[in-house]
């Protein structure tokens, strides 16, 4: 009989397989960011500790890169505004 995966394991596997963020995962499954974060940071730790450790590495990496991604988005925004102004 196949092992029935819990929601936290499904979300964690999606995060790892797609090397994505909690926001994108939540959007893909139609859940809130809060629920996804709770599932992969709290519940997963109790259900599958080995998988939790892998997800924690990804979440830590995403957290460290967050300000870089935000800066890049702001840069793109102002480049678009500048290009519109020049047209």
PDB file of N, CA and C in Angstrom:
ATOM      1  N   UNK A   1       0.843  -1.187   0.000  1.00  0.00           N
ATOM      2  CA  UNK A   1       0.000   0.000   0.000  1.00  0.00           C
ATOM      3  C   UNK A   1       0.888   1.249   0.000  1.00  0.00           C
ATOM      4  N   UNK A   2       0.565   2.214  -0.844  1.00  0.00           N
ATOM      5  CA  UNK A   2       1.363   3.430  -0.968  1.00  0.00           C
ATOM      6  C   UNK A   2       1.215   4.294   0.276  1.00  0.00           C
ATOM      7  N   UNK A   3       2.295   4.987   0.613  1.00  0.00           N
ATOM      8  CA  UNK A   3       2.276   5.878   1.769  1.00  0.00           C
ATOM      9  C   UNK A   3       1.445   7.114   1.434  1.00  0.00           C
ATOM     10  N   UNK A   4       0.533   7.445   2.315  1.00  0.00           N
ATOM     11  CA  UNK A   4      -0.306   8.627   2.128  1.00  0.00           C
ATOM     12  C   UNK A   4       0.454   9.843   2.653  1.00  0.00           C
ATOM     13  N   UNK A   5       0.752  10.766   1.761  1.00  0.00           N
ATOM     14  CA  UNK A   5       1.490  11.962   2.162  1.00  0.00           C
ATOM     15  C   UNK A   5       0.561  12.983   2.804  1.00  0.00           C
ATOM     16  N   UNK A   6       1.044  13.613   3.835  1.00  0.00           N
ATOM     17  CA  UNK A   6       0.297  14.683   4.471  1.00  0.00           C
ATOM     18  C   UNK A   6       0.509  15.975   3.682  1.00  0.00           C
ATOM     19  N   UNK A   7      -0.379  16.930   3.911  1.00  0.00           N
ATOM     20  CA  UNK A   7      -0.304  18.188   3.170  1.00  0.00           C
ATOM     21  C   UNK A   7       1.060  18.854   3.346  1.00  0.00           C
ATOM     22  N   UNK A   8       1.606  18.811   4.561  1.00  0.00           N
ATOM     23  CA  UNK A   8       2.899  19.466   4.796  1.00  0.00           C
ATOM     24  C   UNK A   8       4.006  18.824   3.961  1.00  0.00           C
ATOM     25  N   UNK A   9       3.931  17.513   3.750  1.00  0.00           N
ATOM     26  CA  UNK A   9       4.936  16.826   2.936  1.00  0.00           C
ATOM     27  C   UNK A   9       4.766  17.156   1.454  1.00  0.00           C
ATOM     28  N   UNK A  10       3.533  17.278   1.021  1.00  0.00           N
ATOM     29  CA  UNK A  10       3.267  17.632  -0.379  1.00  0.00           C
ATOM     30  C   UNK A  10       3.802  19.033  -0.672  1.00  0.00           C
ATOM     31  N   UNK A  11       3.521  19.962   0.237  1.00  0.00           N
ATOM     32  CA  UNK A  11       4.006  21.334   0.064  1.00  0.00           C
ATOM     33  C   UNK A  11       5.530  21.383   0.093  1.00  0.00           C
ATOM     34  N   UNK A  12       6.123  20.646   1.013  1.00  0.00           N
ATOM     35  CA  UNK A  12       7.583  20.623   1.129  1.00  0.00           C
ATOM     36  C   UNK A  12       8.217  20.043  -0.129  1.00  0.00           C
ATOM     37  N   UNK A  13       7.663  18.970  -0.635  1.00  0.00           N
ATOM     38  CA  UNK A  13       8.202  18.367  -1.857  1.00  0.00           C
ATOM     39  C   UNK A  13       8.094  19.336  -3.031  1.00  0.00           C
ATOM     40  N   UNK A  14       6.987  20.065  -3.123  1.00  0.00           N
ATOM     41  CA  UNK A  14       6.834  21.049  -4.192  1.00  0.00           C
ATOM     42  C   UNK A  14       7.897  22.139  -4.076  1.00  0.00           C
ATOM     43  N   UNK A  15       8.093  22.640  -2.866  1.00  0.00           N
ATOM     44  CA  UNK A  15       9.115  23.675  -2.649  1.00  0.00           C
ATOM     45  C   UNK A  15      10.488  23.196  -3.096  1.00  0.00           C
ATOM     46  N   UNK A  16      10.844  21.986  -2.712  1.00  0.00           N
ATOM     47  CA  UNK A  16      12.174  21.464  -3.023  1.00  0.00           C
ATOM     48  C   UNK A  16      12.333  21.127  -4.506  1.00  0.00           C
ATOM     49  N   UNK A  17      11.324  20.501  -5.082  1.00  0.00           N
ATOM     50  CA  UNK A  17      11.413  20.089  -6.490  1.00  0.00           C
ATOM     51  C   UNK A  17      11.493  21.298  -7.420  1.00  0.00           C
ATOM     52  N   UNK A  18      10.809  22.382  -7.048  1.00  0.00           N
ATOM     53  CA  UNK A  18      10.763  23.561  -7.905  1.00  0.00           C
ATOM     54  C   UNK A  18      11.685  24.674  -7.425  1.00  0.00           C
ATOM     55  N   UNK A  19      12.376  24.434  -6.315  1.00  0.00           N
ATOM     56  CA  UNK A  19      13.297  25.433  -5.752  1.00  0.00           C
ATOM     57  C   UNK A  19      12.632  26.804  -5.722  1.00  0.00           C
ATOM     58  N   UNK A  20      11.459  26.857  -5.116  1.00  0.00           N
ATOM     59  CA  UNK A  20      10.622  28.046  -5.175  1.00  0.00           C
ATOM     60  C   UNK A  20      10.423  28.664  -3.803  1.00  0.00           C
ATOM     61  N   UNK A  21       9.638  29.724  -3.752  1.00  0.00           N
ATOM     62  CA  UNK A  21       9.368  30.438  -2.508  1.00  0.00           C
ATOM     63  C   UNK A  21       8.021  30.007  -1.928  1.00  0.00           C
ATOM     64  N   UNK A  22       7.807  30.361  -0.676  1.00  0.00           N
ATOM     65  CA  UNK A  22       6.527  30.059  -0.026  1.00  0.00           C
ATOM     66  C   UNK A  22       5.396  30.774  -0.761  1.00  0.00           C
ATOM     67  N   UNK A  23       5.638  31.994  -1.194  1.00  0.00           N
ATOM     68  CA  UNK A  23       4.609  32.767  -1.908  1.00  0.00           C
ATOM     69  C   UNK A  23       4.168  32.054  -3.185  1.00  0.00           C
ATOM     70  N   UNK A  24       5.118  31.573  -3.976  1.00  0.00           N
ATOM     71  CA  UNK A  24       4.780  30.882  -5.222  1.00  0.00           C
ATOM     72  C   UNK A  24       4.106  29.541  -4.948  1.00  0.00           C
ATOM     73  N   UNK A  25       4.557  28.860  -3.912  1.00  0.00           N
ATOM     74  CA  UNK A  25       3.935  27.584  -3.528  1.00  0.00           C
ATOM     75  C   UNK A  25       2.486  27.808  -3.106  1.00  0.00           C
ATOM     76  N   UNK A  26       2.264  28.817  -2.284  1.00  0.00           N
ATOM     77  CA  UNK A  26       0.909  29.133  -1.821  1.00  0.00           C
ATOM     78  C   UNK A  26      -0.001  29.479  -3.000  1.00  0.00           C
ATOM     79  N   UNK A  27       0.524  30.243  -3.923  1.00  0.00           N
ATOM     80  CA  UNK A  27      -0.247  30.617  -5.100  1.00  0.00           C
ATOM     81  C   UNK A  27      -0.592  29.394  -5.941  1.00  0.00           C
ATOM     82  N   UNK A  28       0.370  28.496  -6.119  1.00  0.00           N
ATOM     83  CA  UNK A  28       0.150  27.299  -6.928  1.00  0.00           C
ATOM     84  C   UNK A  28      -0.957  26.423  -6.340  1.00  0.00           C
ATOM     85  N   UNK A  29      -0.953  26.230  -5.018  1.00  0.00           N
ATOM     86  CA  UNK A  29      -1.933  25.355  -4.380  1.00  0.00           C
ATOM     87  C   UNK A  29      -3.208  26.071  -3.955  1.00  0.00           C
ATOM     88  N   UNK A  30      -3.216  27.401  -4.039  1.00  0.00           N
ATOM     89  CA  UNK A  30      -4.401  28.153  -3.638  1.00  0.00           C
ATOM     90  C   UNK A  30      -4.544  28.288  -2.132  1.00  0.00           C
ATOM     91  N   UNK A  31      -3.438  28.233  -1.406  1.00  0.00           N
ATOM     92  CA  UNK A  31      -3.437  28.404   0.049  1.00  0.00           C
ATOM     93  C   UNK A  31      -2.859  29.770   0.385  1.00  0.00           C
ATOM     94  N   UNK A  32      -3.039  30.174   1.632  1.00  0.00           N
ATOM     95  CA  UNK A  32      -2.418  31.423   2.077  1.00  0.00           C
ATOM     96  C   UNK A  32      -0.942  31.169   2.386  1.00  0.00           C
ATOM     97  N   UNK A  33      -0.152  32.242   2.341  1.00  0.00           N
ATOM     98  CA  UNK A  33       1.267  32.123   2.669  1.00  0.00           C
ATOM     99  C   UNK A  33       1.434  31.671   4.122  1.00  0.00           C
ATOM    100  N   UNK A  34       0.557  32.154   4.988  1.00  0.00           N
ATOM    101  CA  UNK A  34       0.629  31.789   6.412  1.00  0.00           C
ATOM    102  C   UNK A  34       0.450  30.294   6.610  1.00  0.00           C
ATOM    103  N   UNK A  35      -0.526  29.717   5.907  1.00  0.00           N
ATOM    104  CA  UNK A  35      -0.784  28.289   6.043  1.00  0.00           C
ATOM    105  C   UNK A  35       0.398  27.472   5.534  1.00  0.00           C
ATOM    106  N   UNK A  36       0.945  27.848   4.388  1.00  0.00           N
ATOM    107  CA  UNK A  36       2.074  27.110   3.827  1.00  0.00           C
ATOM    108  C   UNK A  36       3.264  27.200   4.771  1.00  0.00           C
ATOM    109  N   UNK A  37       3.520  28.386   5.287  1.00  0.00           N
ATOM    110  CA  UNK A  37       4.647  28.553   6.204  1.00  0.00           C
ATOM    111  C   UNK A  37       4.453  27.719   7.466  1.00  0.00           C
ATOM    112  N   UNK A  38       3.254  27.718   8.012  1.00  0.00           N
ATOM    113  CA  UNK A  38       2.951  26.917   9.198  1.00  0.00           C
ATOM    114  C   UNK A  38       3.160  25.432   8.917  1.00  0.00           C
ATOM    115  N   UNK A  39       2.673  24.983   7.785  1.00  0.00           N
ATOM    116  CA  UNK A  39       2.782  23.569   7.429  1.00  0.00           C
ATOM    117  C   UNK A  39       4.238  23.121   7.303  1.00  0.00           C
ATOM    118  N   UNK A  40       5.057  23.912   6.596  1.00  0.00           N
ATOM    119  CA  UNK A  40       6.425  23.460   6.321  1.00  0.00           C
ATOM    120  C   UNK A  40       7.413  23.812   7.431  1.00  0.00           C
ATOM    121  N   UNK A  41       7.037  24.714   8.324  1.00  0.00           N
ATOM    122  CA  UNK A  41       7.978  25.061   9.378  1.00  0.00           C
ATOM    123  C   UNK A  41       7.629  24.439  10.726  1.00  0.00           C
ATOM    124  N   UNK A  42       6.368  24.198  10.986  1.00  0.00           N
ATOM    125  CA  UNK A  42       5.964  23.633  12.281  1.00  0.00           C
ATOM    126  C   UNK A  42       5.521  22.169  12.159  1.00  0.00           C
ATOM    127  N   UNK A  43       4.508  21.940  11.337  1.00  0.00           N
ATOM    128  CA  UNK A  43       3.932  20.591  11.249  1.00  0.00           C
ATOM    129  C   UNK A  43       4.885  19.593  10.611  1.00  0.00           C
ATOM    130  N   UNK A  44       5.601  20.033   9.587  1.00  0.00           N
ATOM    131  CA  UNK A  44       6.520  19.128   8.899  1.00  0.00           C
ATOM    132  C   UNK A  44       7.604  18.626   9.841  1.00  0.00           C
ATOM    133  N   UNK A  45       8.026  19.478  10.760  1.00  0.00           N
ATOM    134  CA  UNK A  45       9.071  19.108  11.727  1.00  0.00           C
ATOM    135  C   UNK A  45       8.650  17.894  12.543  1.00  0.00           C
ATOM    136  N   UNK A  46       7.371  17.789  12.842  1.00  0.00           N
ATOM    137  CA  UNK A  46       6.848  16.668  13.630  1.00  0.00           C
ATOM    138  C   UNK A  46       6.584  15.435  12.764  1.00  0.00           C
ATOM    139  N   UNK A  47       6.197  15.656  11.524  1.00  0.00           N
ATOM    140  CA  UNK A  47       5.796  14.553  10.639  1.00  0.00           C
ATOM    141  C   UNK A  47       6.996  13.895   9.962  1.00  0.00           C
ATOM    142  N   UNK A  48       7.897  14.710   9.418  1.00  0.00           N
ATOM    143  CA  UNK A  48       9.032  14.185   8.658  1.00  0.00           C
ATOM    144  C   UNK A  48      10.237  15.100   8.882  1.00  0.00           C
ATOM    145  N   UNK A  49      10.979  14.807   9.922  1.00  0.00           N
ATOM    146  CA  UNK A  49      12.072  15.698  10.334  1.00  0.00           C
ATOM    147  C   UNK A  49      13.172  15.788   9.269  1.00  0.00           C
ATOM    148  N   UNK A  50      13.437  14.704   8.574  1.00  0.00           N
ATOM    149  CA  UNK A  50      14.470  14.700   7.535  1.00  0.00           C
ATOM    150  C   UNK A  50      14.106  15.665   6.401  1.00  0.00           C
ATOM    151  N   UNK A  51      12.858  15.618   5.975  1.00  0.00           N
ATOM    152  CA  UNK A  51      12.378  16.515   4.922  1.00  0.00           C
ATOM    153  C   UNK A  51      12.364  17.957   5.428  1.00  0.00           C
ATOM    154  N   UNK A  52      12.000  18.134   6.688  1.00  0.00           N
ATOM    155  CA  UNK A  52      11.987  19.465   7.302  1.00  0.00           C
ATOM    156  C   UNK A  52      13.360  20.117   7.222  1.00  0.00           C
ATOM    157  N   UNK A  53      14.411  19.361   7.498  1.00  0.00           N
ATOM    158  CA  UNK A  53      15.766  19.916   7.467  1.00  0.00           C
ATOM    159  C   UNK A  53      16.146  20.393   6.065  1.00  0.00           C
ATOM    160  N   UNK A  54      15.714  19.665   5.046  1.00  0.00           N
ATOM    161  CA  UNK A  54      15.984  20.075   3.663  1.00  0.00           C
ATOM    162  C   UNK A  54      15.235  21.365   3.321  1.00  0.00           C
ATOM    163  N   UNK A  55      13.974  21.434   3.739  1.00  0.00           N
ATOM    164  CA  UNK A  55      13.160  22.618   3.463  1.00  0.00           C
ATOM    165  C   UNK A  55      13.717  23.823   4.218  1.00  0.00           C
ATOM    166  N   UNK A  56      14.173  23.604   5.430  1.00  0.00           N
ATOM    167  CA  UNK A  56      14.728  24.700   6.233  1.00  0.00           C
ATOM    168  C   UNK A  56      15.913  25.351   5.528  1.00  0.00           C
ATOM    169  N   UNK A  57      16.753  24.556   4.886  1.00  0.00           N
ATOM    170  CA  UNK A  57      17.887  25.096   4.135  1.00  0.00           C
ATOM    171  C   UNK A  57      17.391  26.004   3.013  1.00  0.00           C
ATOM    172  N   UNK A  58      16.373  25.539   2.281  1.00  0.00           N
ATOM    173  CA  UNK A  58      15.805  26.341   1.186  1.00  0.00           C
ATOM    174  C   UNK A  58      15.171  27.627   1.718  1.00  0.00           C
ATOM    175  N   UNK A  59      14.412  27.525   2.815  1.00  0.00           N
ATOM    176  CA  UNK A  59      13.758  28.712   3.377  1.00  0.00           C
ATOM    177  C   UNK A  59      14.790  29.722   3.876  1.00  0.00           C
ATOM    178  N   UNK A  60      15.856  29.240   4.488  1.00  0.00           N
ATOM    179  CA  UNK A  60      16.919  30.136   4.951  1.00  0.00           C
ATOM    180  C   UNK A  60      17.581  30.852   3.770  1.00  0.00           C
ATOM    181  N   UNK A  61      17.804  30.114   2.694  1.00  0.00           N
ATOM    182  CA  UNK A  61      18.406  30.707   1.482  1.00  0.00           C
ATOM    183  C   UNK A  61      17.473  31.772   0.908  1.00  0.00           C
ATOM    184  N   UNK A  62      16.183  31.463   0.820  1.00  0.00           N
ATOM    185  CA  UNK A  62      15.205  32.420   0.297  1.00  0.00           C
ATOM    186  C   UNK A  62      15.140  33.672   1.168  1.00  0.00           C
ATOM    187  N   UNK A  63      15.228  33.483   2.486  1.00  0.00           N
ATOM    188  CA  UNK A  63      15.168  34.620   3.402  1.00  0.00           C
ATOM    189  C   UNK A  63      16.372  35.542   3.199  1.00  0.00           C
ATOM    190  N   UNK A  64      17.532  34.949   2.999  1.00  0.00           N
ATOM    191  CA  UNK A  64      18.744  35.746   2.791  1.00  0.00           C
ATOM    192  C   UNK A  64      18.702  36.507   1.467  1.00  0.00           C
ATOM    193  N   UNK A  65      18.034  35.948   0.472  1.00  0.00           N
ATOM    194  CA  UNK A  65      17.968  36.569  -0.851  1.00  0.00           C
ATOM    195  C   UNK A  65      16.809  37.550  -0.992  1.00  0.00           C
ATOM    196  N   UNK A  66      15.941  37.612  -0.004  1.00  0.00           N
ATOM    197  CA  UNK A  66      14.715  38.407  -0.100  1.00  0.00           C
ATOM    198  C   UNK A  66      14.998  39.880  -0.414  1.00  0.00           C
ATOM    199  N   UNK A  67      15.954  40.481   0.285  1.00  0.00           N
ATOM    200  CA  UNK A  67      16.221  41.897   0.048  1.00  0.00           C
ATOM    201  C   UNK A  67      16.843  42.123  -1.329  1.00  0.00           C
ATOM    202  N   UNK A  68      17.593  41.159  -1.837  1.00  0.00           N
ATOM    203  CA  UNK A  68      18.185  41.285  -3.168  1.00  0.00           C
ATOM    204  C   UNK A  68      17.085  41.271  -4.231  1.00  0.00           C
ATOM    205  N   UNK A  69      16.154  40.313  -4.095  1.00  0.00           N
ATOM    206  CA  UNK A  69      15.043  40.228  -5.049  1.00  0.00           C
ATOM    207  C   UNK A  69      14.192  41.489  -5.021  1.00  0.00           C
ATOM    208  N   UNK A  70      13.964  42.028  -3.816  1.00  0.00           N
ATOM    209  CA  UNK A  70      13.184  43.263  -3.679  1.00  0.00           C
ATOM    210  C   UNK A  70      13.870  44.429  -4.356  1.00  0.00           C
ATOM    211  N   UNK A  71      15.179  44.510  -4.194  1.00  0.00           N
ATOM    212  CA  UNK A  71      15.948  45.581  -4.839  1.00  0.00           C
ATOM    213  C   UNK A  71      15.912  45.471  -6.349  1.00  0.00           C
ATOM    214  N   UNK A  72      15.985  44.248  -6.843  1.00  0.00           N
ATOM    215  CA  UNK A  72      15.939  44.034  -8.297  1.00  0.00           C
ATOM    216  C   UNK A  72      14.571  44.426  -8.846  1.00  0.00           C
ATOM    217  N   UNK A  73      13.511  44.102  -8.112  1.00  0.00           N
ATOM    218  CA  UNK A  73      12.157  44.451  -8.551  1.00  0.00           C
ATOM    219  C   UNK A  73      11.978  45.965  -8.600  1.00  0.00           C
ATOM    220  N   UNK A  74      12.519  46.649  -7.599  1.00  0.00           N
ATOM    221  CA  UNK A  74      12.436  48.111  -7.575  1.00  0.00           C
ATOM    222  C   UNK A  74      13.205  48.710  -8.741  1.00  0.00           C
ATOM    223  N   UNK A  75      14.365  48.163  -9.018  1.00  0.00           N
ATOM    224  CA  UNK A  75      15.176  48.648 -10.138  1.00  0.00           C
ATOM    225  C   UNK A  75      14.403  48.499 -11.453  1.00  0.00           C
ATOM    226  N   UNK A  76      13.790  47.332 -11.654  1.00  0.00           N
ATOM    227  CA  UNK A  76      13.013  47.093 -12.873  1.00  0.00           C
ATOM    228  C   UNK A  76      11.844  48.069 -12.986  1.00  0.00           C
ATOM    229  N   UNK A  77      11.203  48.323 -11.857  1.00  0.00           N
ATOM    230  CA  UNK A  77      10.063  49.249 -11.843  1.00  0.00           C
ATOM    231  C   UNK A  77      10.486  50.631 -12.344  1.00  0.00           C
ATOM    232  N   UNK A  78      11.594  51.136 -11.814  1.00  0.00           N
ATOM    233  CA  UNK A  78      12.029  52.470 -12.206  1.00  0.00           C
ATOM    234  C   UNK A  78      12.598  52.507 -13.616  1.00  0.00           C
ATOM    235  N   UNK A  79      13.181  51.411 -14.085  1.00  0.00           N
ATOM    236  CA  UNK A  79      13.620  51.361 -15.478  1.00  0.00           C
ATOM    237  C   UNK A  79      12.436  51.437 -16.432  1.00  0.00           C
ATOM    238  N   UNK A  80      11.336  50.746 -16.082  1.00  0.00           N
ATOM    239  CA  UNK A  80      10.133  50.813 -16.903  1.00  0.00           C
ATOM    240  C   UNK A  80       9.565  52.223 -16.935  1.00  0.00           C
ATOM    241  N   UNK A  81       9.548  52.863 -15.760  1.00  0.00           N
ATOM    242  CA  UNK A  81       9.033  54.242 -15.708  1.00  0.00           C
ATOM    243  C   UNK A  81       9.910  55.175 -16.545  1.00  0.00           C
ATOM    244  N   UNK A  82      11.203  54.985 -16.470  1.00  0.00           N
ATOM    245  CA  UNK A  82      12.142  55.818 -17.229  1.00  0.00           C
ATOM    246  C   UNK A  82      11.943  55.612 -18.730  1.00  0.00           C
ATOM    247  N   UNK A  83      11.770  54.353 -19.143  1.00  0.00           N
ATOM    248  CA  UNK A  83      11.568  54.059 -20.566  1.00  0.00           C
ATOM    249  C   UNK A  83      10.241  54.636 -21.071  1.00  0.00           C
ATOM    250  N   UNK A  84       9.203  54.587 -20.234  1.00  0.00           N
ATOM    251  CA  UNK A  84       7.910  55.168 -20.624  1.00  0.00           C
ATOM    252  C   UNK A  84       8.037  56.667 -20.818  1.00  0.00           C
ATOM    253  N   UNK A  85       8.793  57.304 -19.922  1.00  0.00           N
ATOM    254  CA  UNK A  85       8.980  58.745 -19.978  1.00  0.00           C
ATOM    255  C   UNK A  85       9.721  59.167 -21.233  1.00  0.00           C
ATOM    256  N   UNK A  86      10.678  58.339 -21.676  1.00  0.00           N
ATOM    257  CA  UNK A  86      11.485  58.640 -22.856  1.00  0.00           C
ATOM    258  C   UNK A  86      10.746  58.371 -24.166  1.00  0.00           C
ATOM    259  N   UNK A  87       9.667  57.599 -24.102  1.00  0.00           N
ATOM    260  CA  UNK A  87       8.930  57.267 -25.337  1.00  0.00           C
ATOM    261  C   UNK A  87       8.026  58.347 -25.799  1.00  0.00           C
TER     262      UNK A  87
END
